[in-house]
């Protein structure tokens, strides 16, 4: 590696592009193992209830997996564009590339993919993660030391504490509260599954409603970033702004359609079960009264029972005299 092959010695030759998030893969594998384990008991269930239990297990595990996965996805908001921009510092080389910004609850992902991918004898395919657990300044300094391309450094700089945009304060605090409400929704989901295994369907339905409510609270918390003036990212001659992405709409679909449909279904089931129990209890009481009317009475036993205490005392005194 020399100064004469258009590659500076403090730049890496080639970076491996992002393939799949390890946290999401772990979540999917854990819930798949749980699903397989619970589905193994289905052969022991008879009749039509087997299909009901299979549907219930799959839907419930899907809801739990979505709630946990939403904490680790990086596409609550995103923006992308294709433009020409300077590739690296201390160079006049201009590349045609697709630039993407993906915002999650714990950080951002910045992607840079060349069009075509190979330009200047390099594979331009980057995916860099910047998290704000503590501070993003250290990761930004590491990116400067690595010599990452200029578009990635420009977007990452917008999220530093020294940036006049103040994006770090908006996204970090909104993401923190959204994550907290999602974990609360996950706790409500676990409690609802425990209650569903007991004869308290009404309270299980209430807990599922609380789960849906906390999912909506997380969306409301993340939506606060749209209520402030948006920072415009200008790269080359083009610019872009972030918009809601897949995770946000998935949270809306999960909280709205799935949860409320299950709540109303269980409420209807509970109403039907309660009416059926009351009807059966009334029929049982009527049958019991009819059996008393049609039964045969033991007159000798009844005469012994119906003797008043006063008469019994007089009879004992007369015997003593």
C-alpha atoms as a PDB file:
ATOM      1  CA  UNK A   1       0.000   0.000   0.000  1.00  0.00           C
ATOM      2  CA  UNK A   2       1.535   3.280  -1.139  1.00  0.00           C
ATOM      3  CA  UNK A   3       0.546   6.828  -1.909  1.00  0.00           C
ATOM      4  CA  UNK A   4       0.555   6.063  -5.626  1.00  0.00           C
ATOM      5  CA  UNK A   5      -2.342   3.624  -5.949  1.00  0.00           C
ATOM      6  CA  UNK A   6      -5.063   6.142  -4.973  1.00  0.00           C
ATOM      7  CA  UNK A   7      -5.513   4.494  -1.559  1.00  0.00           C
ATOM      8  CA  UNK A   8      -4.242   6.316   1.491  1.00  0.00           C
ATOM      9  CA  UNK A   9      -2.440   4.181   4.056  1.00  0.00           C
ATOM     10  CA  UNK A  10      -4.767   5.177   6.934  1.00  0.00           C
ATOM     11  CA  UNK A  11      -7.876   3.915   5.106  1.00  0.00           C
ATOM     12  CA  UNK A  12      -8.919   0.257   5.236  1.00  0.00           C
ATOM     13  CA  UNK A  13      -8.754  -1.488   1.896  1.00  0.00           C
ATOM     14  CA  UNK A  14     -12.290  -2.901   2.000  1.00  0.00           C
ATOM     15  CA  UNK A  15     -15.018  -3.055   4.605  1.00  0.00           C
ATOM     16  CA  UNK A  16     -17.512  -5.851   5.033  1.00  0.00           C
ATOM     17  CA  UNK A  17     -21.073  -4.693   4.554  1.00  0.00           C
ATOM     18  CA  UNK A  18     -23.766  -5.317   7.155  1.00  0.00           C
ATOM     19  CA  UNK A  19     -25.730  -8.542   6.601  1.00  0.00           C
ATOM     20  CA  UNK A  20     -28.053  -9.154   9.558  1.00  0.00           C
ATOM     21  CA  UNK A  21     -28.453  -7.817  13.066  1.00  0.00           C
ATOM     22  CA  UNK A  22     -27.217 -10.373  15.590  1.00  0.00           C
ATOM     23  CA  UNK A  23     -29.718  -9.273  18.264  1.00  0.00           C
ATOM     24  CA  UNK A  24     -32.662  -9.788  15.900  1.00  0.00           C
ATOM     25  CA  UNK A  25     -31.335 -13.203  14.916  1.00  0.00           C
ATOM     26  CA  UNK A  26     -31.133 -14.206  18.584  1.00  0.00           C
ATOM     27  CA  UNK A  27     -34.697 -13.019  19.231  1.00  0.00           C
ATOM     28  CA  UNK A  28     -36.054 -14.918  16.231  1.00  0.00           C
ATOM     29  CA  UNK A  29     -34.270 -18.131  17.237  1.00  0.00           C
ATOM     30  CA  UNK A  30     -35.479 -17.910  20.858  1.00  0.00           C
ATOM     31  CA  UNK A  31     -39.123 -17.440  19.881  1.00  0.00           C
ATOM     32  CA  UNK A  32     -38.888 -20.148  17.214  1.00  0.00           C
ATOM     33  CA  UNK A  33     -37.641 -22.606  19.849  1.00  0.00           C
ATOM     34  CA  UNK A  34     -40.526 -21.594  22.131  1.00  0.00           C
ATOM     35  CA  UNK A  35     -43.016 -22.012  19.284  1.00  0.00           C
ATOM     36  CA  UNK A  36     -41.747 -25.485  18.394  1.00  0.00           C
ATOM     37  CA  UNK A  37     -41.746 -26.531  22.050  1.00  0.00           C
ATOM     38  CA  UNK A  38     -45.341 -25.387  22.588  1.00  0.00           C
ATOM     39  CA  UNK A  39     -46.590 -26.846  19.310  1.00  0.00           C
ATOM     40  CA  UNK A  40     -45.342 -30.271  20.348  1.00  0.00           C
ATOM     41  CA  UNK A  41     -48.222 -30.513  22.839  1.00  0.00           C
ATOM     42  CA  UNK A  42     -50.881 -30.053  20.139  1.00  0.00           C
ATOM     43  CA  UNK A  43     -51.212 -33.806  19.336  1.00  0.00           C
ATOM     44  CA  UNK A  44     -52.425 -34.306  22.911  1.00  0.00           C
ATOM     45  CA  UNK A  45     -55.354 -31.909  22.386  1.00  0.00           C
ATOM     46  CA  UNK A  46     -58.496 -33.436  20.954  1.00  0.00           C
ATOM     47  CA  UNK A  47     -61.108 -32.056  18.620  1.00  0.00           C
ATOM     48  CA  UNK A  48     -61.482 -28.583  17.213  1.00  0.00           C
ATOM     49  CA  UNK A  49     -59.735 -26.985  20.186  1.00  0.00           C
ATOM     50  CA  UNK A  50     -56.411 -28.116  18.708  1.00  0.00           C
ATOM     51  CA  UNK A  51     -56.730 -25.564  15.910  1.00  0.00           C
ATOM     52  CA  UNK A  52     -57.726 -22.866  18.396  1.00  0.00           C
ATOM     53  CA  UNK A  53     -54.677 -23.545  20.584  1.00  0.00           C
ATOM     54  CA  UNK A  54     -52.329 -23.562  17.581  1.00  0.00           C
ATOM     55  CA  UNK A  55     -53.680 -20.196  16.423  1.00  0.00           C
ATOM     56  CA  UNK A  56     -53.427 -18.800  19.942  1.00  0.00           C
ATOM     57  CA  UNK A  57     -49.820 -19.928  20.452  1.00  0.00           C
ATOM     58  CA  UNK A  58     -48.607 -18.606  17.101  1.00  0.00           C
ATOM     59  CA  UNK A  59     -50.302 -15.211  17.470  1.00  0.00           C
ATOM     60  CA  UNK A  60     -49.154 -14.768  21.067  1.00  0.00           C
ATOM     61  CA  UNK A  61     -45.527 -15.608  20.294  1.00  0.00           C
ATOM     62  CA  UNK A  62     -45.603 -13.372  17.232  1.00  0.00           C
ATOM     63  CA  UNK A  63     -46.752 -10.445  19.388  1.00  0.00           C
ATOM     64  CA  UNK A  64     -44.019 -11.071  21.961  1.00  0.00           C
ATOM     65  CA  UNK A  65     -41.329 -11.409  19.298  1.00  0.00           C
ATOM     66  CA  UNK A  66     -42.401  -8.160  17.618  1.00  0.00           C
ATOM     67  CA  UNK A  67     -42.391  -6.229  20.911  1.00  0.00           C
ATOM     68  CA  UNK A  68     -38.863  -7.376  21.759  1.00  0.00           C
ATOM     69  CA  UNK A  69     -37.535  -6.991  18.211  1.00  0.00           C
ATOM     70  CA  UNK A  70     -38.804  -3.409  17.940  1.00  0.00           C
ATOM     71  CA  UNK A  71     -36.309  -2.430  20.636  1.00  0.00           C
ATOM     72  CA  UNK A  72     -33.367  -3.494  18.468  1.00  0.00           C
ATOM     73  CA  UNK A  73     -34.439  -2.569  14.946  1.00  0.00           C
ATOM     74  CA  UNK A  74     -32.782   0.380  13.233  1.00  0.00           C
ATOM     75  CA  UNK A  75     -35.577   1.504  10.949  1.00  0.00           C
ATOM     76  CA  UNK A  76     -38.046   3.469  13.056  1.00  0.00           C
ATOM     77  CA  UNK A  77     -37.225   6.383  10.774  1.00  0.00           C
ATOM     78  CA  UNK A  78     -35.117   6.463   7.656  1.00  0.00           C
ATOM     79  CA  UNK A  79     -34.100   8.504   4.637  1.00  0.00           C
ATOM     80  CA  UNK A  80     -32.135   7.667   1.537  1.00  0.00           C
ATOM     81  CA  UNK A  81     -31.041   9.276  -1.688  1.00  0.00           C
ATOM     82  CA  UNK A  82     -28.719   8.739  -4.634  1.00  0.00           C
ATOM     83  CA  UNK A  83     -26.258  11.541  -5.335  1.00  0.00           C
ATOM     84  CA  UNK A  84     -22.671  12.403  -6.249  1.00  0.00           C
ATOM     85  CA  UNK A  85     -20.418  13.264  -3.322  1.00  0.00           C
ATOM     86  CA  UNK A  86     -16.757  13.430  -2.438  1.00  0.00           C
ATOM     87  CA  UNK A  87     -15.578  10.038  -1.334  1.00  0.00           C
ATOM     88  CA  UNK A  88     -12.784  10.662   1.189  1.00  0.00           C
ATOM     89  CA  UNK A  89     -10.891  13.479   2.799  1.00  0.00           C
ATOM     90  CA  UNK A  90      -7.812  14.949   1.087  1.00  0.00           C
ATOM     91  CA  UNK A  91      -9.118  13.706  -2.248  1.00  0.00           C
ATOM     92  CA  UNK A  92     -11.109  15.230  -5.100  1.00  0.00           C
ATOM     93  CA  UNK A  93     -12.575  11.884  -6.121  1.00  0.00           C
ATOM     94  CA  UNK A  94     -16.360  12.016  -6.553  1.00  0.00           C
ATOM     95  CA  UNK A  95     -18.458   8.864  -6.408  1.00  0.00           C
ATOM     96  CA  UNK A  96     -22.044   8.167  -7.396  1.00  0.00           C
ATOM     97  CA  UNK A  97     -23.584   6.345  -4.430  1.00  0.00           C
ATOM     98  CA  UNK A  98     -26.799   5.660  -2.559  1.00  0.00           C
ATOM     99  CA  UNK A  99     -26.735   7.117   0.947  1.00  0.00           C
ATOM    100  CA  UNK A 100     -29.105   5.936   3.645  1.00  0.00           C
ATOM    101  CA  UNK A 101     -29.839   6.947   7.232  1.00  0.00           C
ATOM    102  CA  UNK A 102     -31.665   4.466   9.482  1.00  0.00           C
ATOM    103  CA  UNK A 103     -32.719   5.608  12.967  1.00  0.00           C
ATOM    104  CA  UNK A 104     -33.443   3.196  15.817  1.00  0.00           C
ATOM    105  CA  UNK A 105     -34.165   3.544  19.517  1.00  0.00           C
ATOM    106  CA  UNK A 106     -30.502   3.080  20.504  1.00  0.00           C
ATOM    107  CA  UNK A 107     -28.607   4.626  17.621  1.00  0.00           C
ATOM    108  CA  UNK A 108     -28.342   5.190  13.885  1.00  0.00           C
ATOM    109  CA  UNK A 109     -27.094   3.219  10.914  1.00  0.00           C
ATOM    110  CA  UNK A 110     -25.503   5.066   8.007  1.00  0.00           C
ATOM    111  CA  UNK A 111     -25.147   3.191   4.726  1.00  0.00           C
ATOM    112  CA  UNK A 112     -23.136   4.086   1.654  1.00  0.00           C
ATOM    113  CA  UNK A 113     -23.363   1.892  -1.437  1.00  0.00           C
ATOM    114  CA  UNK A 114     -21.710   2.802  -4.718  1.00  0.00           C
ATOM    115  CA  UNK A 115     -23.595   2.818  -7.991  1.00  0.00           C
ATOM    116  CA  UNK A 116     -21.854   0.775  -9.361  1.00  0.00           C
ATOM    117  CA  UNK A 117     -20.437  -0.867  -6.265  1.00  0.00           C
ATOM    118  CA  UNK A 118     -16.852  -1.022  -7.543  1.00  0.00           C
ATOM    119  CA  UNK A 119     -15.355   2.415  -8.180  1.00  0.00           C
ATOM    120  CA  UNK A 120     -11.721   3.526  -8.101  1.00  0.00           C
ATOM    121  CA  UNK A 121     -10.716  -0.125  -7.651  1.00  0.00           C
ATOM    122  CA  UNK A 122     -12.613  -0.252  -4.341  1.00  0.00           C
ATOM    123  CA  UNK A 123     -15.821  -1.893  -3.219  1.00  0.00           C
ATOM    124  CA  UNK A 124     -17.975   0.927  -1.885  1.00  0.00           C
ATOM    125  CA  UNK A 125     -20.399  -0.820   0.451  1.00  0.00           C
ATOM    126  CA  UNK A 126     -20.444   0.560   3.999  1.00  0.00           C
ATOM    127  CA  UNK A 127     -22.799   0.182   6.924  1.00  0.00           C
ATOM    128  CA  UNK A 128     -21.727   1.979  10.089  1.00  0.00           C
ATOM    129  CA  UNK A 129     -23.509   1.896  13.451  1.00  0.00           C
ATOM    130  CA  UNK A 130     -23.406   4.838  15.879  1.00  0.00           C
ATOM    131  CA  UNK A 131     -25.126   4.269  19.221  1.00  0.00           C
ATOM    132  CA  UNK A 132     -25.933   6.794  21.924  1.00  0.00           C
ATOM    133  CA  UNK A 133     -25.979   4.591  25.031  1.00  0.00           C
ATOM    134  CA  UNK A 134     -23.495   6.931  26.749  1.00  0.00           C
ATOM    135  CA  UNK A 135     -22.205   9.361  24.146  1.00  0.00           C
ATOM    136  CA  UNK A 136     -21.739   9.322  20.407  1.00  0.00           C
ATOM    137  CA  UNK A 137     -18.631  11.493  20.515  1.00  0.00           C
ATOM    138  CA  UNK A 138     -16.264   8.563  21.072  1.00  0.00           C
ATOM    139  CA  UNK A 139     -17.672   6.582  18.159  1.00  0.00           C
ATOM    140  CA  UNK A 140     -17.452   9.635  15.941  1.00  0.00           C
ATOM    141  CA  UNK A 141     -13.797  10.087  16.857  1.00  0.00           C
ATOM    142  CA  UNK A 142     -13.152   6.428  16.050  1.00  0.00           C
ATOM    143  CA  UNK A 143     -14.811   6.940  12.679  1.00  0.00           C
ATOM    144  CA  UNK A 144     -12.490   9.859  12.007  1.00  0.00           C
ATOM    145  CA  UNK A 145      -9.476   7.722  12.914  1.00  0.00           C
ATOM    146  CA  UNK A 146     -10.654   4.950  10.593  1.00  0.00           C
ATOM    147  CA  UNK A 147     -10.978   7.432   7.752  1.00  0.00           C
ATOM    148  CA  UNK A 148     -14.574   6.617   6.822  1.00  0.00           C
ATOM    149  CA  UNK A 149     -16.046   8.242   3.696  1.00  0.00           C
ATOM    150  CA  UNK A 150     -17.149  11.853   3.932  1.00  0.00           C
ATOM    151  CA  UNK A 151     -20.933  11.252   3.599  1.00  0.00           C
ATOM    152  CA  UNK A 152     -20.897   8.919   6.625  1.00  0.00           C
ATOM    153  CA  UNK A 153     -18.853  11.355   8.697  1.00  0.00           C
ATOM    154  CA  UNK A 154     -21.125  14.253   7.713  1.00  0.00           C
ATOM    155  CA  UNK A 155     -24.304  12.459   8.848  1.00  0.00           C
ATOM    156  CA  UNK A 156     -22.698  11.178  12.051  1.00  0.00           C
ATOM    157  CA  UNK A 157     -21.505  14.688  12.898  1.00  0.00           C
ATOM    158  CA  UNK A 158     -25.116  15.908  12.834  1.00  0.00           C
ATOM    159  CA  UNK A 159     -25.823  13.649  15.842  1.00  0.00           C
ATOM    160  CA  UNK A 160     -22.930  14.830  17.993  1.00  0.00           C
ATOM    161  CA  UNK A 161     -23.343  17.110  20.998  1.00  0.00           C
ATOM    162  CA  UNK A 162     -21.529  19.963  19.255  1.00  0.00           C
ATOM    163  CA  UNK A 163     -23.906  19.977  16.280  1.00  0.00           C
ATOM    164  CA  UNK A 164     -26.264  22.987  16.131  1.00  0.00           C
ATOM    165  CA  UNK A 165     -29.098  20.712  14.953  1.00  0.00           C
ATOM    166  CA  UNK A 166     -29.445  19.089  18.371  1.00  0.00           C
ATOM    167  CA  UNK A 167     -30.552  15.783  16.862  1.00  0.00           C
ATOM    168  CA  UNK A 168     -28.874  13.764  19.601  1.00  0.00           C
ATOM    169  CA  UNK A 169     -31.170  15.245  22.252  1.00  0.00           C
ATOM    170  CA  UNK A 170     -34.316  14.673  20.213  1.00  0.00           C
ATOM    171  CA  UNK A 171     -33.641  11.107  19.132  1.00  0.00           C
ATOM    172  CA  UNK A 172     -31.890   9.866  22.263  1.00  0.00           C
ATOM    173  CA  UNK A 173     -34.579  10.912  24.742  1.00  0.00           C
ATOM    174  CA  UNK A 174     -37.507   9.968  22.514  1.00  0.00           C
ATOM    175  CA  UNK A 175     -35.909   6.588  21.837  1.00  0.00           C
ATOM    176  CA  UNK A 176     -35.193   6.049  25.534  1.00  0.00           C
ATOM    177  CA  UNK A 177     -38.834   6.574  26.555  1.00  0.00           C
ATOM    178  CA  UNK A 178     -40.092   4.563  23.596  1.00  0.00           C
ATOM    179  CA  UNK A 179     -37.865   1.653  24.608  1.00  0.00           C
ATOM    180  CA  UNK A 180     -39.024   1.856  28.245  1.00  0.00           C
ATOM    181  CA  UNK A 181     -42.696   1.699  27.246  1.00  0.00           C
ATOM    182  CA  UNK A 182     -42.006  -1.211  24.893  1.00  0.00           C
ATOM    183  CA  UNK A 183     -40.389  -3.213  27.694  1.00  0.00           C
ATOM    184  CA  UNK A 184     -43.409  -2.410  29.867  1.00  0.00           C
ATOM    185  CA  UNK A 185     -45.634  -3.709  27.066  1.00  0.00           C
ATOM    186  CA  UNK A 186     -43.569  -6.906  27.012  1.00  0.00           C
ATOM    187  CA  UNK A 187     -44.110  -7.365  30.777  1.00  0.00           C
ATOM    188  CA  UNK A 188     -47.859  -6.890  30.273  1.00  0.00           C
ATOM    189  CA  UNK A 189     -47.756  -9.451  27.469  1.00  0.00           C
ATOM    190  CA  UNK A 190     -46.135 -12.038  29.745  1.00  0.00           C
ATOM    191  CA  UNK A 191     -48.663 -11.331  32.500  1.00  0.00           C
ATOM    192  CA  UNK A 192     -51.521 -11.673  30.006  1.00  0.00           C
ATOM    193  CA  UNK A 193     -50.277 -15.096  28.914  1.00  0.00           C
ATOM    194  CA  UNK A 194     -50.151 -16.202  32.552  1.00  0.00           C
ATOM    195  CA  UNK A 195     -53.709 -14.989  33.125  1.00  0.00           C
ATOM    196  CA  UNK A 196     -54.953 -16.697  29.971  1.00  0.00           C
ATOM    197  CA  UNK A 197     -53.902 -20.029  31.474  1.00  0.00           C
ATOM    198  CA  UNK A 198     -56.235 -19.348  34.429  1.00  0.00           C
ATOM    199  CA  UNK A 199     -60.048 -18.956  34.462  1.00  0.00           C
ATOM    200  CA  UNK A 200     -59.752 -15.142  34.497  1.00  0.00           C
ATOM    201  CA  UNK A 201     -60.218 -14.275  30.841  1.00  0.00           C
ATOM    202  CA  UNK A 202     -61.567 -10.806  31.615  1.00  0.00           C
ATOM    203  CA  UNK A 203     -58.394  -9.684  33.429  1.00  0.00           C
ATOM    204  CA  UNK A 204     -56.218 -11.263  30.748  1.00  0.00           C
ATOM    205  CA  UNK A 205     -58.075  -9.172  28.170  1.00  0.00           C
ATOM    206  CA  UNK A 206     -57.530  -6.049  30.253  1.00  0.00           C
ATOM    207  CA  UNK A 207     -53.810  -6.830  30.428  1.00  0.00           C
ATOM    208  CA  UNK A 208     -53.651  -7.246  26.656  1.00  0.00           C
ATOM    209  CA  UNK A 209     -55.342  -3.862  26.305  1.00  0.00           C
ATOM    210  CA  UNK A 210     -52.603  -2.430  28.535  1.00  0.00           C
ATOM    211  CA  UNK A 211     -50.038  -4.052  26.244  1.00  0.00           C
ATOM    212  CA  UNK A 212     -51.552  -2.330  23.224  1.00  0.00           C
ATOM    213  CA  UNK A 213     -51.711   0.964  25.123  1.00  0.00           C
ATOM    214  CA  UNK A 214     -48.000   0.873  25.987  1.00  0.00           C
ATOM    215  CA  UNK A 215     -47.139   0.120  22.363  1.00  0.00           C
ATOM    216  CA  UNK A 216     -49.058   3.227  21.358  1.00  0.00           C
ATOM    217  CA  UNK A 217     -47.253   5.181  24.085  1.00  0.00           C
ATOM    218  CA  UNK A 218     -43.919   4.140  22.567  1.00  0.00           C
ATOM    219  CA  UNK A 219     -45.056   5.357  19.159  1.00  0.00           C
ATOM    220  CA  UNK A 220     -46.214   8.645  20.668  1.00  0.00           C
ATOM    221  CA  UNK A 221     -42.857   9.057  22.387  1.00  0.00           C
ATOM    222  CA  UNK A 222     -40.930   8.484  19.171  1.00  0.00           C
ATOM    223  CA  UNK A 223     -43.283  10.777  17.246  1.00  0.00           C
ATOM    224  CA  UNK A 224     -42.169  13.756  19.314  1.00  0.00           C
ATOM    225  CA  UNK A 225     -39.133  14.083  17.018  1.00  0.00           C
ATOM    226  CA  UNK A 226     -41.466  15.149  14.229  1.00  0.00           C
ATOM    227  CA  UNK A 227     -42.890  18.018  16.293  1.00  0.00           C
ATOM    228  CA  UNK A 228     -39.621  19.971  16.224  1.00  0.00           C
ATOM    229  CA  UNK A 229     -37.968  21.606  13.207  1.00  0.00           C
ATOM    230  CA  UNK A 230     -36.318  18.917  11.131  1.00  0.00           C
ATOM    231  CA  UNK A 231     -32.636  19.094  10.307  1.00  0.00           C
ATOM    232  CA  UNK A 232     -31.907  18.925   6.584  1.00  0.00           C
ATOM    233  CA  UNK A 233     -29.028  16.698   5.464  1.00  0.00           C
ATOM    234  CA  UNK A 234     -27.344  18.226   2.407  1.00  0.00           C
ATOM    235  CA  UNK A 235     -24.824  16.078   0.557  1.00  0.00           C
ATOM    236  CA  UNK A 236     -23.559  17.241  -2.803  1.00  0.00           C
ATOM    237  CA  UNK A 237     -26.406  18.951  -4.626  1.00  0.00           C
ATOM    238  CA  UNK A 238     -29.187  16.966  -2.973  1.00  0.00           C
ATOM    239  CA  UNK A 239     -30.767  16.854   0.480  1.00  0.00           C
ATOM    240  CA  UNK A 240     -33.108  14.595   2.448  1.00  0.00           C
ATOM    241  CA  UNK A 241     -35.116  14.370   5.686  1.00  0.00           C
ATOM    242  CA  UNK A 242     -36.096  11.395   7.818  1.00  0.00           C
ATOM    243  CA  UNK A 243     -39.566   9.854   7.717  1.00  0.00           C
ATOM    244  CA  UNK A 244     -41.320   7.040   9.579  1.00  0.00           C
ATOM    245  CA  UNK A 245     -40.183   3.585   8.495  1.00  0.00           C
ATOM    246  CA  UNK A 246     -41.039  -0.105   8.811  1.00  0.00           C
ATOM    247  CA  UNK A 247     -40.674  -0.546  12.578  1.00  0.00           C
ATOM    248  CA  UNK A 248     -42.986   2.365  13.320  1.00  0.00           C
ATOM    249  CA  UNK A 249     -45.723   1.012  11.061  1.00  0.00           C
ATOM    250  CA  UNK A 250     -45.187  -2.514  12.368  1.00  0.00           C
ATOM    251  CA  UNK A 251     -45.713  -1.238  15.909  1.00  0.00           C
ATOM    252  CA  UNK A 252     -48.899   0.497  14.774  1.00  0.00           C
ATOM    253  CA  UNK A 253     -50.209  -2.663  13.093  1.00  0.00           C
ATOM    254  CA  UNK A 254     -49.343  -4.841  16.083  1.00  0.00           C
ATOM    255  CA  UNK A 255     -50.891  -2.504  18.606  1.00  0.00           C
ATOM    256  CA  UNK A 256     -54.000  -1.711  16.573  1.00  0.00           C
ATOM    257  CA  UNK A 257     -55.069  -4.775  14.631  1.00  0.00           C
ATOM    258  CA  UNK A 258     -53.698  -7.780  16.486  1.00  0.00           C
ATOM    259  CA  UNK A 259     -54.121  -6.647  20.079  1.00  0.00           C
ATOM    260  CA  UNK A 260     -57.573  -5.128  19.804  1.00  0.00           C
ATOM    261  CA  UNK A 261     -58.898  -8.022  17.759  1.00  0.00           C
ATOM    262  CA  UNK A 262     -57.697 -10.459  20.397  1.00  0.00           C
ATOM    263  CA  UNK A 263     -59.178  -8.281  23.161  1.00  0.00           C
ATOM    264  CA  UNK A 264     -62.613  -8.173  21.585  1.00  0.00           C
ATOM    265  CA  UNK A 265     -62.483 -11.881  20.787  1.00  0.00           C
ATOM    266  CA  UNK A 266     -61.712 -12.842  24.362  1.00  0.00           C
ATOM    267  CA  UNK A 267     -64.293 -10.388  25.673  1.00  0.00           C
ATOM    268  CA  UNK A 268     -66.907 -12.011  23.450  1.00  0.00           C
ATOM    269  CA  UNK A 269     -65.804 -15.458  24.544  1.00  0.00           C
ATOM    270  CA  UNK A 270     -66.012 -14.480  28.185  1.00  0.00           C
ATOM    271  CA  UNK A 271     -69.505 -13.022  27.720  1.00  0.00           C
ATOM    272  CA  UNK A 272     -70.630 -16.218  26.046  1.00  0.00           C
ATOM    273  CA  UNK A 273     -69.072 -18.400  28.722  1.00  0.00           C
ATOM    274  CA  UNK A 274     -70.636 -16.388  31.562  1.00  0.00           C
ATOM    275  CA  UNK A 275     -74.089 -16.507  29.985  1.00  0.00           C
ATOM    276  CA  UNK A 276     -73.696 -20.225  29.378  1.00  0.00           C
ATOM    277  CA  UNK A 277     -72.693 -20.806  33.011  1.00  0.00           C
ATOM    278  CA  UNK A 278     -75.623 -18.765  34.333  1.00  0.00           C
ATOM    279  CA  UNK A 279     -78.054 -20.574  32.047  1.00  0.00           C
ATOM    280  CA  UNK A 280     -76.728 -23.946  33.158  1.00  0.00           C
ATOM    281  CA  UNK A 281     -76.911 -22.949  36.827  1.00  0.00           C
ATOM    282  CA  UNK A 282     -80.567 -21.855  36.424  1.00  0.00           C
ATOM    283  CA  UNK A 283     -81.437 -25.111  34.708  1.00  0.00           C
ATOM    284  CA  UNK A 284     -79.710 -27.036  37.454  1.00  0.00           C
ATOM    285  CA  UNK A 285     -81.678 -25.214  40.186  1.00  0.00           C
ATOM    286  CA  UNK A 286     -84.959 -25.844  38.388  1.00  0.00           C
ATOM    287  CA  UNK A 287     -84.141 -29.519  37.960  1.00  0.00           C
ATOM    288  CA  UNK A 288     -83.195 -29.717  41.631  1.00  0.00           C
ATOM    289  CA  UNK A 289     -86.496 -28.147  42.728  1.00  0.00           C
ATOM    290  CA  UNK A 290     -88.415 -30.515  40.486  1.00  0.00           C
ATOM    291  CA  UNK A 291     -86.601 -33.456  41.977  1.00  0.00           C
ATOM    292  CA  UNK A 292     -87.554 -32.273  45.451  1.00  0.00           C
ATOM    293  CA  UNK A 293     -91.218 -32.028  44.444  1.00  0.00           C
ATOM    294  CA  UNK A 294     -91.294 -35.450  42.866  1.00  0.00           C
ATOM    295  CA  UNK A 295     -89.294 -37.186  45.600  1.00  0.00           C
ATOM    296  CA  UNK A 296     -90.623 -39.552  48.329  1.00  0.00           C
ATOM    297  CA  UNK A 297     -90.476 -38.332  51.926  1.00  0.00           C
ATOM    298  CA  UNK A 298     -89.782 -40.474  55.006  1.00  0.00           C
ATOM    299  CA  UNK A 299     -92.640 -39.628  57.386  1.00  0.00           C
ATOM    300  CA  UNK A 300     -91.022 -41.335  60.393  1.00  0.00           C
ATOM    301  CA  UNK A 301     -87.840 -39.316  59.991  1.00  0.00           C
ATOM    302  CA  UNK A 302     -89.757 -36.081  59.445  1.00  0.00           C
ATOM    303  CA  UNK A 303     -91.899 -36.640  62.594  1.00  0.00           C
ATOM    304  CA  UNK A 304     -88.784 -37.074  64.670  1.00  0.00           C
ATOM    305  CA  UNK A 305     -87.218 -33.936  63.234  1.00  0.00           C
ATOM    306  CA  UNK A 306     -90.290 -31.689  63.440  1.00  0.00           C
ATOM    307  CA  UNK A 307     -90.932 -32.276  67.174  1.00  0.00           C
ATOM    308  CA  UNK A 308     -90.542 -28.929  68.891  1.00  0.00           C
ATOM    309  CA  UNK A 309     -88.016 -28.527  71.739  1.00  0.00           C
ATOM    310  CA  UNK A 310     -90.800 -27.559  74.210  1.00  0.00           C
ATOM    311  CA  UNK A 311     -92.723 -30.775  73.588  1.00  0.00           C
ATOM    312  CA  UNK A 312     -89.607 -32.847  73.967  1.00  0.00           C
ATOM    313  CA  UNK A 313     -88.857 -31.243  77.355  1.00  0.00           C
ATOM    314  CA  UNK A 314     -92.455 -31.842  78.627  1.00  0.00           C
ATOM    315  CA  UNK A 315     -92.281 -35.448  77.570  1.00  0.00           C
ATOM    316  CA  UNK A 316     -89.044 -35.975  79.468  1.00  0.00           C
ATOM    317  CA  UNK A 317     -90.462 -34.330  82.638  1.00  0.00           C
ATOM    318  CA  UNK A 318     -93.607 -36.491  82.535  1.00  0.00           C
ATOM    319  CA  UNK A 319     -91.496 -39.596  82.293  1.00  0.00           C
ATOM    320  CA  UNK A 320     -89.529 -38.621  85.385  1.00  0.00           C
ATOM    321  CA  UNK A 321     -92.711 -38.042  87.403  1.00  0.00           C
END
